[in-house]
């Protein structure tokens, strides 16, 4: 396995569809905590790209919510509560909740996501709530393949946000 200098596994250039999708999702999952590494609590809570209130700590919380939503609620149909009750999308920060706790919670959600799909086919489907299904023309079924592609997109988009936040905080840039 080839790795980046920071230790992230490079997705294989020739693999089957499942391995390609899962390895790219894992690559992007591994990127998010790297964007938070070495920062203190105040920096992780700083909204550094005005006028947005987005923070690195909030991004990690949000991605824990996203993991739970797509793999637990949508794919398996589990009636689970939100990860964080103090905001609808996980972005709201709590004074007593720091990066160690937030990363631990996020890692638990990632592990639950992996377990939820371990024996599933890419063609297996989850069910969207009606409001979300309306965005897909009313079809409430989404395949695991679709969910994996969406999760890669979700992480990639938010890792781009994390790049900007981090660069404004301390000038660090990277892949």
Protein backbone atom coordinates (compact mmCIF):
# COMPACT_ATOMS: atom_id res chain seq x y z
CA UNK A 1 0.00 0.00 0.00
CA UNK A 2 1.32 3.42 -0.97
CA UNK A 3 0.94 6.22 1.55
CA UNK A 4 1.21 9.98 1.51
CA UNK A 5 4.03 11.51 3.60
CA UNK A 6 1.40 12.22 6.28
CA UNK A 7 0.44 8.53 6.48
CA UNK A 8 -2.83 8.53 4.54
CA UNK A 9 -3.29 5.52 2.27
CA UNK A 10 -3.34 6.46 -1.41
CA UNK A 11 -6.37 4.92 -3.15
CA UNK A 12 -5.24 2.19 -5.54
CA UNK A 13 -5.22 3.30 -9.19
CA UNK A 14 -6.60 -0.05 -10.41
CA UNK A 15 -9.17 -1.65 -8.14
CA UNK A 16 -12.73 -2.85 -8.40
CA UNK A 17 -15.58 -0.40 -7.90
CA UNK A 18 -16.18 -1.17 -4.22
CA UNK A 19 -12.51 -0.91 -3.27
CA UNK A 20 -12.15 2.32 -5.25
CA UNK A 21 -15.15 3.96 -3.60
CA UNK A 22 -14.25 2.85 -0.08
CA UNK A 23 -10.57 3.78 -0.42
CA UNK A 24 -11.40 7.29 -1.67
CA UNK A 25 -13.90 7.75 1.16
CA UNK A 26 -11.27 6.58 3.66
CA UNK A 27 -8.70 8.94 2.13
CA UNK A 28 -11.03 11.89 2.63
CA UNK A 29 -12.01 10.70 6.10
CA UNK A 30 -8.31 10.62 7.03
CA UNK A 31 -7.81 14.15 5.69
CA UNK A 32 -10.22 15.88 8.07
CA UNK A 33 -8.40 15.19 11.36
CA UNK A 34 -5.11 16.17 9.73
CA UNK A 35 -6.54 19.63 9.14
CA UNK A 36 -7.10 19.91 12.91
CA UNK A 37 -3.74 18.52 14.03
CA UNK A 38 -1.51 20.76 16.09
CA UNK A 39 -4.08 23.49 16.74
CA UNK A 40 -5.22 24.62 20.15
CA UNK A 41 -8.84 24.79 21.26
CA UNK A 42 -9.20 28.50 20.48
CA UNK A 43 -7.93 27.99 16.93
CA UNK A 44 -10.24 25.00 16.34
CA UNK A 45 -13.19 27.17 17.41
CA UNK A 46 -12.23 30.23 15.36
CA UNK A 47 -14.38 31.09 12.37
CA UNK A 48 -11.50 32.31 10.26
CA UNK A 49 -13.07 32.81 6.85
CA UNK A 50 -15.42 35.75 7.22
CA UNK A 51 -18.39 36.07 7.07
CA UNK A 52 -18.86 32.32 7.66
CA UNK A 53 -19.25 31.00 11.20
CA UNK A 54 -17.79 27.62 10.17
CA UNK A 55 -14.99 26.22 12.35
CA UNK A 56 -12.73 23.20 12.14
CA UNK A 57 -14.24 21.79 15.34
CA UNK A 58 -17.72 22.30 13.91
CA UNK A 59 -16.73 20.54 10.67
CA UNK A 60 -15.67 17.41 12.56
CA UNK A 61 -18.93 17.45 14.52
CA UNK A 62 -20.87 17.94 11.29
CA UNK A 63 -19.20 14.97 9.64
CA UNK A 64 -20.10 12.76 12.62
CA UNK A 65 -23.73 13.80 11.99
CA UNK A 66 -23.37 13.13 8.26
CA UNK A 67 -21.90 9.66 8.87
CA UNK A 68 -24.77 8.79 11.22
CA UNK A 69 -27.41 10.18 8.89
CA UNK A 70 -26.37 8.41 5.70
CA UNK A 71 -25.25 5.06 7.05
CA UNK A 72 -27.48 4.59 10.10
CA UNK A 73 -30.68 6.47 9.28
CA UNK A 74 -30.83 6.26 5.50
CA UNK A 75 -28.99 3.03 4.67
CA UNK A 76 -29.91 0.77 7.60
CA UNK A 77 -33.14 2.57 8.53
CA UNK A 78 -32.14 2.80 12.20
CA UNK A 79 -34.13 5.38 14.19
CA UNK A 80 -31.08 6.95 15.83
CA UNK A 81 -30.98 10.39 17.45
CA UNK A 82 -28.69 13.15 16.28
CA UNK A 83 -25.13 12.95 17.54
CA UNK A 84 -25.23 16.51 18.89
CA UNK A 85 -28.49 17.85 20.26
CA UNK A 86 -27.32 21.49 20.36
CA UNK A 87 -27.73 22.14 16.64
CA UNK A 88 -29.35 20.55 13.61
CA UNK A 89 -26.21 19.86 11.57
CA UNK A 90 -23.48 19.50 14.17
CA UNK A 91 -21.87 22.87 13.57
CA UNK A 92 -22.94 24.38 16.92
CA UNK A 93 -20.08 24.33 19.42
CA UNK A 94 -20.33 23.56 23.12
CA UNK A 95 -17.90 25.17 25.56
CA UNK A 96 -17.13 21.87 27.27
CA UNK A 97 -16.58 19.77 24.16
CA UNK A 98 -13.07 19.81 22.71
CA UNK A 99 -11.29 18.16 19.81
CA UNK A 100 -10.37 14.93 21.61
CA UNK A 101 -13.99 14.20 22.44
CA UNK A 102 -15.26 15.30 19.03
CA UNK A 103 -12.72 13.18 17.15
CA UNK A 104 -13.53 10.17 19.36
CA UNK A 105 -17.25 10.54 18.59
CA UNK A 106 -16.53 10.99 14.88
CA UNK A 107 -14.33 7.86 14.86
CA UNK A 108 -17.14 5.85 16.51
CA UNK A 109 -19.55 7.01 13.80
CA UNK A 110 -17.07 6.10 11.06
CA UNK A 111 -16.65 2.62 12.59
CA UNK A 112 -20.44 2.22 12.78
CA UNK A 113 -20.69 3.28 9.13
CA UNK A 114 -18.12 0.71 8.07
CA UNK A 115 -19.93 -2.01 10.04
CA UNK A 116 -23.29 -1.04 8.54
CA UNK A 117 -22.08 -1.62 4.98
CA UNK A 118 -19.58 -4.45 5.51
CA UNK A 119 -21.82 -7.16 4.07
CA UNK A 120 -23.92 -5.00 1.77
CA UNK A 121 -23.94 -4.89 -2.00
CA UNK A 122 -23.40 -1.60 -3.81
CA UNK A 123 -26.89 -2.15 -5.24
CA UNK A 124 -28.54 -2.44 -1.80
CA UNK A 125 -30.71 0.57 -1.07
CA UNK A 126 -31.57 2.80 1.83
CA UNK A 127 -34.64 4.98 2.17
CA UNK A 128 -34.64 8.76 2.20
CA UNK A 129 -37.12 10.82 4.19
CA UNK A 130 -39.78 12.39 1.94
CA UNK A 131 -38.26 15.89 2.14
CA UNK A 132 -34.89 14.63 0.91
CA UNK A 133 -36.48 12.33 -1.69
CA UNK A 134 -38.12 15.40 -3.23
CA UNK A 135 -34.63 16.55 -4.29
CA UNK A 136 -34.35 13.33 -6.31
CA UNK A 137 -37.68 13.70 -8.05
CA UNK A 138 -39.58 11.86 -5.32
CA UNK A 139 -37.60 8.60 -5.50
CA UNK A 140 -36.90 7.66 -1.90
CA UNK A 141 -34.46 4.81 -2.64
CA UNK A 142 -30.72 5.40 -2.88
CA UNK A 143 -28.14 2.70 -3.49
CA UNK A 144 -25.09 2.17 -1.33
CA UNK A 145 -23.10 3.13 -4.44
CA UNK A 146 -24.89 6.52 -4.52
CA UNK A 147 -24.34 7.01 -0.77
CA UNK A 148 -20.62 6.28 -1.06
CA UNK A 149 -20.21 8.72 -3.95
CA UNK A 150 -22.19 11.32 -2.01
CA UNK A 151 -20.02 10.81 1.08
CA UNK A 152 -16.84 11.24 -0.97
CA UNK A 153 -18.30 14.50 -2.31
CA UNK A 154 -19.36 15.62 1.17
CA UNK A 155 -15.93 15.03 2.68
CA UNK A 156 -14.09 16.53 -0.31
CA UNK A 157 -16.20 19.70 -0.14
CA UNK A 158 -15.73 20.09 3.60
CA UNK A 159 -12.03 19.25 3.40
CA UNK A 160 -11.77 22.18 1.00
CA UNK A 161 -13.44 24.35 3.63
CA UNK A 162 -11.00 22.96 6.20
CA UNK A 163 -8.09 23.91 3.92
CA UNK A 164 -9.25 27.52 3.86
CA UNK A 165 -9.92 27.63 7.60
CA UNK A 166 -6.52 26.16 8.41
CA UNK A 167 -4.65 28.43 6.01
CA UNK A 168 -6.25 31.50 7.58
CA UNK A 169 -5.42 30.25 11.07
CA UNK A 170 -1.73 29.50 10.70
CA UNK A 171 -0.81 29.51 7.01
CA UNK A 172 -0.64 25.70 6.76
CA UNK A 173 -1.64 24.31 3.39
CA UNK A 174 -1.57 20.83 1.96
CA UNK A 175 -3.45 17.99 0.39
